[in-house]
Amino acid sequence: MAEDSDAERTEPASSKRLEEARNKGQVPRSQELATFSILMVGIIALIKLGPELLQTLKMIFISELTFNRATIADPNQMLLHFMSSSQKALMACLPIILPCALIAIITPVLVGGWLFTFDALAPNFARMDPIGGLGRMFTLKSIVNMVKTILKSSLIGGVAAWVLWDERAEFLQLITMPLDAGLPYMWDMVQHTLLLVVSSLAIVAAIDAPYQLWDYYKGLRMTKEEVKQEGKDAEGSAEVKGKIRQLQHEAARKRMMSEIPKANVIVTNPTHYAVALQYTEAMRAPKVVAKGAFLLAERIIELGKEHKVAVIRTPPFARALYHHAELGAEIPAALYTAAAEVLAYIYQLKHWQNYGGDEPNLADELPVPSELDPGGEA
């Protein structure tokens, strides 16, 4: 891939190429959009919960910054006191931290979708090559990232410098302000600064998100030769799968044909369909051991005759069995009566052939439900 120039890669990435990239953990991501979203949600939470949070933090400061002499003299007590204060402050800030954490998880999905793979965590020794690392430093992507970093730093630094300069007099007075007056002022200044920072980052995010999508799909573009080769590979794969299916069908057909000698009777249409039935006293109901249509039906009939299996012409019964009985399974309960008459006729026929007497007859119409043989089509 690396040896082909961008000029040669004129074809959009195929679905296979996109899937392979995704499996390797390569998806478009916009860090600037994530940063903007987190800050925006954080500011909204601060505006909604700020006064209450300030009051809570004020009470924590008042209670936790009050020490007795014994506590100050004992380092362990001071450490426990500090840990307790930090825990209370953290719990007070959770209503703001949790929405920011949630949006940090959701935002990447907006650009590249959800992805969880271990491939991206696997060590890549090619990236440890110092010469290759120097080459990556001068790619278009690295230059764009550098420009983004400079732009962000300039915007944030400029906003911070402007706020500090504009509020320099009031900021210096914070040292002498009481807590009740200092906290609200600090809160207003933080809000003002963050709003300006987010506004500037919105510009960066609006540029970066479309760029990341464009750069991702550009990096996966293919040459015409790669597209042709992928098509050939797909055709070859389809041919192999087709050959496997053909071999499986042939093996299944051979297994089916090997079961025909076990059949008690083969019912036919007479040539459109042929279904071989097996029944023993140990079975709950007759079982289909072979079935087929047209040429396969003719072959089933031929094998049946070779192995002296009775072949009888019962078109409605044969059609119903072919369409509604599964190979290797018992026949439907609705066909039990018809099957019983056919099997009884076969037993009587064998008795007549061996011992003589009156020749048995099979009913012209077997009890086959019309819904199993609609219209009696061939």
Protein backbone atom coordinates (compact mmCIF):
# COMPACT_ATOMS: atom_id res chain seq x y z
CA MET A 1 0.00 0.00 0.00
CA ALA A 2 2.75 2.42 0.92
CA GLU A 3 4.55 2.05 -2.36
CA ASP A 4 1.63 3.27 -4.45
CA SER A 5 1.36 7.00 -4.94
CA ASP A 6 -1.80 8.90 -4.04
CA ALA A 7 -2.25 9.69 -7.72
CA GLU A 8 -2.67 5.98 -8.47
CA ARG A 9 -5.25 5.48 -5.72
CA THR A 10 -8.29 6.83 -7.52
CA GLU A 11 -10.91 4.22 -6.59
CA PRO A 12 -13.04 4.45 -3.41
CA ALA A 13 -12.45 1.77 -0.79
CA SER A 14 -14.49 -1.39 -1.21
CA SER A 15 -16.68 -2.73 1.56
CA LYS A 16 -14.09 -5.48 2.11
CA ARG A 17 -11.28 -2.92 2.50
CA LEU A 18 -13.39 -0.88 4.95
CA GLU A 19 -14.24 -3.98 6.97
CA GLU A 20 -10.59 -5.05 7.14
CA ALA A 21 -9.57 -1.58 8.32
CA ARG A 22 -12.29 -1.60 10.96
CA ASN A 23 -11.21 -5.03 12.21
CA LYS A 24 -7.71 -3.59 12.66
CA GLY A 25 -9.12 -0.75 14.77
CA GLN A 26 -8.81 1.85 12.01
CA VAL A 27 -11.84 4.14 12.18
CA PRO A 28 -12.20 7.91 11.71
CA ARG A 29 -11.91 9.83 14.97
CA SER A 30 -11.97 13.57 15.68
CA GLN A 31 -10.18 14.44 18.90
CA GLU A 32 -11.14 18.08 18.46
CA LEU A 33 -14.84 17.23 18.31
CA ALA A 34 -14.47 15.14 21.48
CA THR A 35 -12.68 17.99 23.28
CA PHE A 36 -15.30 20.51 22.19
CA SER A 37 -18.20 18.22 23.23
CA ILE A 38 -16.73 17.51 26.67
CA LEU A 39 -16.11 21.19 27.37
CA MET A 40 -19.55 22.17 26.11
CA VAL A 41 -21.32 19.61 28.31
CA GLY A 42 -19.11 20.58 31.24
CA ILE A 43 -20.01 24.26 30.87
CA ILE A 44 -23.74 23.48 30.60
CA ALA A 45 -23.47 21.41 33.77
CA LEU A 46 -21.53 24.20 35.48
CA ILE A 47 -24.11 26.82 34.54
CA LYS A 48 -26.96 24.64 35.80
CA LEU A 49 -25.25 23.36 38.94
CA GLY A 50 -22.68 26.09 39.53
CA PRO A 51 -24.37 28.07 42.33
CA GLU A 52 -25.23 24.92 44.25
CA LEU A 53 -21.72 23.54 43.68
CA LEU A 54 -20.15 26.77 44.90
CA GLN A 55 -22.23 26.69 48.06
CA THR A 56 -21.27 23.07 48.69
CA LEU A 57 -17.57 23.75 48.10
CA LYS A 58 -17.77 26.79 50.35
CA MET A 59 -19.14 24.68 53.21
CA ILE A 60 -16.43 22.07 52.59
CA PHE A 61 -13.70 24.73 52.68
CA ILE A 62 -15.08 26.25 55.88
CA SER A 63 -15.41 22.92 57.68
CA GLU A 64 -12.29 21.21 56.35
CA LEU A 65 -9.90 24.15 56.70
CA THR A 66 -10.62 24.45 60.41
CA PHE A 67 -7.98 22.59 62.45
CA ASN A 68 -7.23 22.17 66.11
CA ARG A 69 -3.68 22.18 67.46
CA ALA A 70 -3.53 18.39 67.89
CA THR A 71 -4.44 17.79 64.24
CA ILE A 72 -1.84 20.26 62.97
CA ALA A 73 0.86 18.62 65.10
CA ASP A 74 0.07 15.09 63.80
CA PRO A 75 1.06 14.46 60.13
CA ASN A 76 -1.11 11.32 59.97
CA GLN A 77 -4.16 13.25 61.12
CA MET A 78 -3.44 15.98 58.57
CA LEU A 79 -3.17 13.36 55.81
CA LEU A 80 -6.48 11.79 56.80
CA HIS A 81 -8.03 15.25 56.98
CA PHE A 82 -6.75 16.07 53.49
CA MET A 83 -8.05 12.77 52.07
CA SER A 84 -11.46 13.36 53.63
CA SER A 85 -11.59 16.89 52.19
CA SER A 86 -10.61 15.66 48.73
CA GLN A 87 -13.24 12.91 48.81
CA LYS A 88 -15.99 15.37 49.76
CA ALA A 89 -14.93 17.81 47.03
CA LEU A 90 -14.85 15.00 44.45
CA MET A 91 -18.33 13.79 45.42
CA ALA A 92 -19.60 17.36 45.11
CA CYS A 93 -18.18 17.59 41.58
CA LEU A 94 -19.53 14.20 40.38
CA PRO A 95 -22.71 15.70 38.82
CA ILE A 96 -20.41 17.60 36.48
CA ILE A 97 -17.74 14.91 36.00
CA LEU A 98 -20.16 12.10 35.09
CA PRO A 99 -21.87 13.86 32.12
CA CYS A 100 -18.43 14.80 30.78
CA ALA A 101 -17.27 11.18 31.07
CA LEU A 102 -20.42 9.97 29.32
CA ILE A 103 -20.04 12.41 26.42
CA ALA A 104 -16.37 11.38 26.12
CA ILE A 105 -17.59 7.83 25.39
CA ILE A 106 -20.45 8.82 23.07
CA THR A 107 -18.76 11.47 20.90
CA PRO A 108 -16.28 9.15 19.08
CA VAL A 109 -19.25 7.02 17.97
CA LEU A 110 -20.70 10.01 16.08
CA VAL A 111 -17.80 10.06 13.62
CA GLY A 112 -16.50 6.50 13.32
CA GLY A 113 -19.12 4.38 15.04
CA TRP A 114 -18.68 2.04 17.98
CA LEU A 115 -15.63 -0.22 17.83
CA PHE A 116 -14.00 -2.61 20.28
CA THR A 117 -10.94 -4.52 19.10
CA PHE A 118 -7.67 -5.73 20.58
CA ASP A 119 -5.79 -5.37 17.27
CA ALA A 120 -5.13 -1.69 17.91
CA LEU A 121 -3.51 -2.60 21.25
CA ALA A 122 -1.10 -5.12 19.71
CA PRO A 123 2.54 -3.95 19.53
CA ASN A 124 3.57 -2.63 16.14
CA PHE A 125 7.35 -2.98 15.84
CA ALA A 126 7.35 -1.09 12.54
CA ARG A 127 6.54 2.08 14.47
CA MET A 128 9.71 1.59 16.54
CA ASP A 129 11.86 2.09 13.45
CA PRO A 130 13.60 5.48 13.94
CA ILE A 131 14.03 6.02 10.20
CA GLY A 132 10.39 5.28 9.55
CA GLY A 133 9.49 7.57 12.42
CA LEU A 134 11.38 10.43 10.77
CA GLY A 135 9.45 9.77 7.58
CA ARG A 136 6.12 9.97 9.40
CA MET A 137 7.11 13.34 10.85
CA PHE A 138 6.91 14.94 7.41
CA THR A 139 3.67 13.48 6.11
CA LEU A 140 0.61 15.59 5.30
CA LYS A 141 -1.17 14.15 8.32
CA SER A 142 1.59 15.15 10.73
CA ILE A 143 1.69 18.65 9.25
CA VAL A 144 -2.07 19.02 9.64
CA ASN A 145 -1.84 17.83 13.26
CA MET A 146 0.92 20.34 13.92
CA VAL A 147 -1.16 23.16 12.42
CA LYS A 148 -4.14 22.12 14.55
CA THR A 149 -2.00 22.08 17.69
CA ILE A 150 -0.60 25.52 16.95
CA LEU A 151 -4.09 26.85 16.19
CA LYS A 152 -5.56 25.40 19.38
CA SER A 153 -2.70 26.62 21.52
CA SER A 154 -2.93 30.08 19.99
CA LEU A 155 -6.69 30.27 20.48
CA ILE A 156 -6.68 29.00 24.06
CA GLY A 157 -3.58 30.97 25.00
CA GLY A 158 -4.99 34.08 23.38
CA VAL A 159 -8.33 33.72 25.18
CA ALA A 160 -6.63 33.11 28.54
CA ALA A 161 -4.27 36.06 28.04
CA TRP A 162 -7.11 38.34 27.00
CA VAL A 163 -9.24 37.37 30.03
CA LEU A 164 -6.33 37.82 32.46
CA TRP A 165 -5.45 41.18 30.95
CA ASP A 166 -9.04 42.37 30.91
CA GLU A 167 -9.62 41.27 34.51
CA ARG A 168 -6.12 42.03 35.83
CA ALA A 169 -7.21 44.61 38.39
CA GLU A 170 -10.01 42.47 39.85
CA PHE A 171 -7.81 39.36 39.70
CA LEU A 172 -5.14 40.99 41.87
CA GLN A 173 -7.81 42.00 44.40
CA LEU A 174 -8.77 38.35 44.95
CA ILE A 175 -5.95 38.08 47.50
CA THR A 176 -7.70 40.52 49.82
CA MET A 177 -11.30 39.44 49.08
CA PRO A 178 -13.28 37.45 51.67
CA LEU A 179 -14.36 33.95 50.66
CA ASP A 180 -18.01 34.96 50.17
CA ALA A 181 -17.03 37.56 47.58
CA GLY A 182 -14.07 35.73 46.03
CA LEU A 183 -15.80 32.48 45.09
CA PRO A 184 -18.66 34.09 43.09
CA TYR A 185 -16.17 36.28 41.26
CA MET A 186 -13.95 33.30 40.44
CA TRP A 187 -17.03 31.43 39.26
CA ASP A 188 -18.03 34.24 36.89
CA MET A 189 -14.50 34.48 35.50
CA VAL A 190 -14.26 30.71 34.95
CA GLN A 191 -17.62 30.69 33.14
CA HIS A 192 -16.61 33.61 30.96
CA THR A 193 -13.24 32.05 30.09
CA LEU A 194 -14.65 28.61 29.30
CA LEU A 195 -17.37 30.02 27.08
CA LEU A 196 -14.76 31.85 25.05
CA VAL A 197 -12.53 28.76 24.87
CA VAL A 198 -15.41 26.53 23.73
CA SER A 199 -16.44 29.06 21.10
CA SER A 200 -12.93 29.03 19.67
CA LEU A 201 -12.71 25.22 19.82
CA ALA A 202 -16.04 24.94 17.97
CA ILE A 203 -14.30 26.41 14.94
CA VAL A 204 -11.49 23.85 15.17
CA ALA A 205 -13.95 20.95 15.65
CA ALA A 206 -16.10 22.08 12.70
CA ILE A 207 -13.02 21.89 10.48
CA ASP A 208 -11.45 18.77 12.00
CA ALA A 209 -14.43 16.36 11.95
CA PRO A 210 -15.06 16.59 8.15
CA TYR A 211 -11.31 16.54 7.53
CA GLN A 212 -10.86 13.32 9.55
CA LEU A 213 -13.61 11.61 7.55
CA TRP A 214 -12.11 12.78 4.25
CA ASP A 215 -8.59 11.77 5.29
CA TYR A 216 -9.77 8.33 6.50
CA TYR A 217 -11.50 7.40 3.23
CA LYS A 218 -8.68 8.96 1.21
CA GLY A 219 -6.15 6.78 3.02
CA LEU A 220 -8.14 3.65 2.16
CA ARG A 221 -8.57 4.43 -1.53
CA MET A 222 -7.50 1.67 -3.91
CA THR A 223 -5.73 1.43 -7.22
CA LYS A 224 -7.59 0.05 -10.23
CA GLU A 225 -5.38 -3.03 -10.06
CA GLU A 226 -6.34 -3.66 -6.42
CA VAL A 227 -10.03 -3.41 -7.30
CA LYS A 228 -9.60 -5.93 -10.13
CA GLN A 229 -7.61 -8.30 -7.91
CA GLU A 230 -10.20 -8.11 -5.15
CA GLY A 231 -12.92 -8.94 -7.68
CA LYS A 232 -10.94 -11.95 -8.90
CA ASP A 233 -10.39 -13.13 -5.33
CA ALA A 234 -14.10 -12.80 -4.60
CA GLU A 235 -15.00 -14.78 -7.72
CA GLY A 236 -12.47 -17.45 -6.82
CA SER A 237 -13.88 -17.65 -3.32
CA ALA A 238 -17.42 -17.96 -4.71
CA GLU A 239 -16.28 -20.74 -7.08
CA VAL A 240 -14.64 -22.63 -4.21
CA LYS A 241 -17.76 -22.29 -2.07
CA GLY A 242 -19.90 -23.44 -4.99
CA LYS A 243 -17.65 -26.46 -5.51
CA ILE A 244 -17.86 -27.32 -1.81
CA ARG A 245 -21.65 -27.07 -1.90
CA GLN A 246 -21.71 -29.27 -5.00
CA LEU A 247 -19.55 -31.91 -3.29
CA GLN A 248 -21.76 -31.75 -0.20
CA HIS A 249 -24.88 -32.25 -2.33
CA GLU A 250 -23.27 -35.17 -4.13
CA ALA A 251 -22.25 -36.77 -0.83
CA ALA A 252 -25.75 -36.27 0.57
CA ARG A 253 -27.25 -37.79 -2.59
CA LYS A 254 -24.96 -40.82 -2.33
CA ARG A 255 -25.95 -41.31 1.30
CA MET A 256 -29.61 -41.04 0.31
CA MET A 257 -29.22 -43.57 -2.49
CA SER A 258 -27.50 -46.00 -0.11
CA GLU A 259 -30.63 -45.97 2.06
CA ILE A 260 -32.98 -47.09 -0.74
CA PRO A 261 -32.40 -50.86 -0.17
CA LYS A 262 -33.79 -50.38 3.36
CA ALA A 263 -37.08 -49.00 2.03
CA ASN A 264 -40.34 -50.98 2.15
CA VAL A 265 -41.94 -49.15 -0.75
CA ILE A 266 -41.35 -46.40 -3.31
CA VAL A 267 -44.40 -44.31 -4.19
CA THR A 268 -44.36 -42.43 -7.50
CA ASN A 269 -46.26 -39.83 -9.52
CA PRO A 270 -45.31 -41.95 -11.65
CA THR A 271 -42.19 -40.18 -13.04
CA HIS A 272 -42.35 -36.63 -11.72
CA TYR A 273 -41.80 -37.60 -8.07
CA ALA A 274 -40.51 -40.65 -6.21
CA VAL A 275 -40.44 -41.08 -2.43
CA ALA A 276 -38.98 -44.13 -0.65
CA LEU A 277 -40.52 -45.05 2.72
CA GLN A 278 -39.10 -47.28 5.44
CA TYR A 279 -41.08 -48.69 8.34
CA THR A 280 -40.23 -51.19 11.09
CA GLU A 281 -42.09 -52.19 14.22
CA ALA A 282 -39.58 -50.18 16.28
CA MET A 283 -40.58 -46.97 14.48
CA ARG A 284 -43.37 -44.68 15.60
CA ALA A 285 -44.22 -43.77 11.99
CA PRO A 286 -42.85 -44.40 8.48
CA LYS A 287 -39.69 -42.47 7.60
CA VAL A 288 -38.62 -40.92 4.28
CA VAL A 289 -35.25 -42.41 3.29
CA ALA A 290 -35.08 -40.96 -0.24
CA LYS A 291 -37.00 -38.55 -2.44
CA GLY A 292 -36.47 -36.80 -5.74
CA ALA A 293 -38.04 -35.31 -8.83
CA PHE A 294 -37.67 -36.01 -12.55
CA LEU A 295 -34.21 -37.56 -13.30
CA LEU A 296 -33.50 -38.17 -9.64
CA ALA A 297 -36.94 -39.78 -9.28
CA GLU A 298 -36.15 -42.09 -12.19
CA ARG A 299 -32.85 -43.06 -10.56
CA ILE A 300 -34.60 -43.80 -7.24
CA ILE A 301 -37.09 -46.02 -9.05
CA GLU A 302 -34.29 -47.86 -10.91
CA LEU A 303 -32.36 -48.51 -7.68
CA GLY A 304 -35.52 -49.64 -5.96
CA LYS A 305 -36.22 -52.18 -8.67
CA GLU A 306 -32.61 -53.39 -8.56
CA HIS A 307 -33.00 -54.11 -4.84
CA LYS A 308 -36.50 -55.56 -5.25
CA VAL A 309 -38.23 -52.68 -3.43
CA ALA A 310 -41.91 -52.43 -4.35
CA VAL A 311 -42.73 -49.45 -6.59
CA ILE A 312 -46.36 -48.34 -6.69
CA ARG A 313 -48.09 -45.49 -8.49
CA THR A 314 -49.96 -43.19 -6.07
CA PRO A 315 -49.76 -39.63 -7.51
CA PRO A 316 -51.54 -37.62 -4.75
CA PHE A 317 -49.73 -39.49 -1.96
CA ALA A 318 -46.35 -39.17 -3.75
CA ARG A 319 -46.83 -35.43 -4.31
CA ALA A 320 -47.88 -34.84 -0.71
CA LEU A 321 -44.87 -36.75 0.62
CA TYR A 322 -42.44 -34.97 -1.71
CA HIS A 323 -43.64 -31.49 -0.75
CA HIS A 324 -44.37 -31.96 2.96
CA ALA A 325 -42.13 -34.76 4.29
CA GLU A 326 -38.49 -34.06 5.18
CA LEU A 327 -35.72 -36.40 4.12
CA GLY A 328 -34.71 -38.64 7.03
CA ALA A 329 -37.75 -37.62 9.08
CA GLU A 330 -41.11 -39.18 9.88
CA ILE A 331 -43.98 -38.41 7.53
CA PRO A 332 -46.62 -35.86 8.62
CA ALA A 333 -49.34 -37.22 10.89
CA ALA A 334 -51.99 -36.24 8.31
CA LEU A 335 -50.56 -38.91 5.98
CA TYR A 336 -50.48 -41.77 8.50
CA THR A 337 -53.71 -43.36 7.20
CA ALA A 338 -52.61 -43.26 3.56
CA ALA A 339 -49.21 -44.70 4.51
CA ALA A 340 -50.87 -47.46 6.53
CA GLU A 341 -52.99 -48.49 3.53
CA VAL A 342 -49.92 -48.53 1.25
CA LEU A 343 -47.81 -50.58 3.70
CA ALA A 344 -50.69 -52.99 4.32
CA TYR A 345 -51.02 -53.46 0.56
CA ILE A 346 -47.25 -54.17 0.29
CA TYR A 347 -47.40 -56.80 3.04
CA GLN A 348 -50.45 -58.43 1.40
CA LEU A 349 -48.73 -58.32 -1.99
CA LYS A 350 -45.65 -60.12 -0.63
CA HIS A 351 -47.88 -62.73 1.04
CA TRP A 352 -49.74 -63.30 -2.23
CA GLN A 353 -46.46 -63.58 -4.16
CA ASN A 354 -45.10 -66.15 -1.69
CA TYR A 355 -48.22 -68.16 -0.85
CA GLY A 356 -50.79 -67.39 -3.53
CA GLY A 357 -54.47 -66.70 -2.92
CA ASP A 358 -56.48 -63.65 -3.93
CA GLU A 359 -54.42 -60.84 -5.43
CA PRO A 360 -54.63 -57.74 -3.19
CA ASN A 361 -55.77 -54.39 -4.57
CA LEU A 362 -54.79 -50.87 -3.53
CA ALA A 363 -57.55 -48.28 -3.33
CA ASP A 364 -57.65 -45.94 -6.32
CA GLU A 365 -57.86 -42.90 -4.03
CA LEU A 366 -55.88 -42.78 -0.80
CA PRO A 367 -56.97 -40.49 2.08
CA VAL A 368 -54.64 -37.55 1.31
CA PRO A 369 -55.80 -34.16 2.71
CA SER A 370 -56.41 -31.66 -0.07
CA GLU A 371 -54.27 -29.01 1.65
CA LEU A 372 -51.25 -31.32 1.27
CA ASP A 373 -51.91 -31.83 -2.45
CA PRO A 374 -53.57 -28.61 -3.66
CA GLY A 375 -55.03 -28.93 -7.14
CA GLY A 376 -53.31 -32.25 -7.70
CA GLU A 377 -50.69 -30.56 -9.92
CA ALA A 378 -48.00 -32.73 -11.46
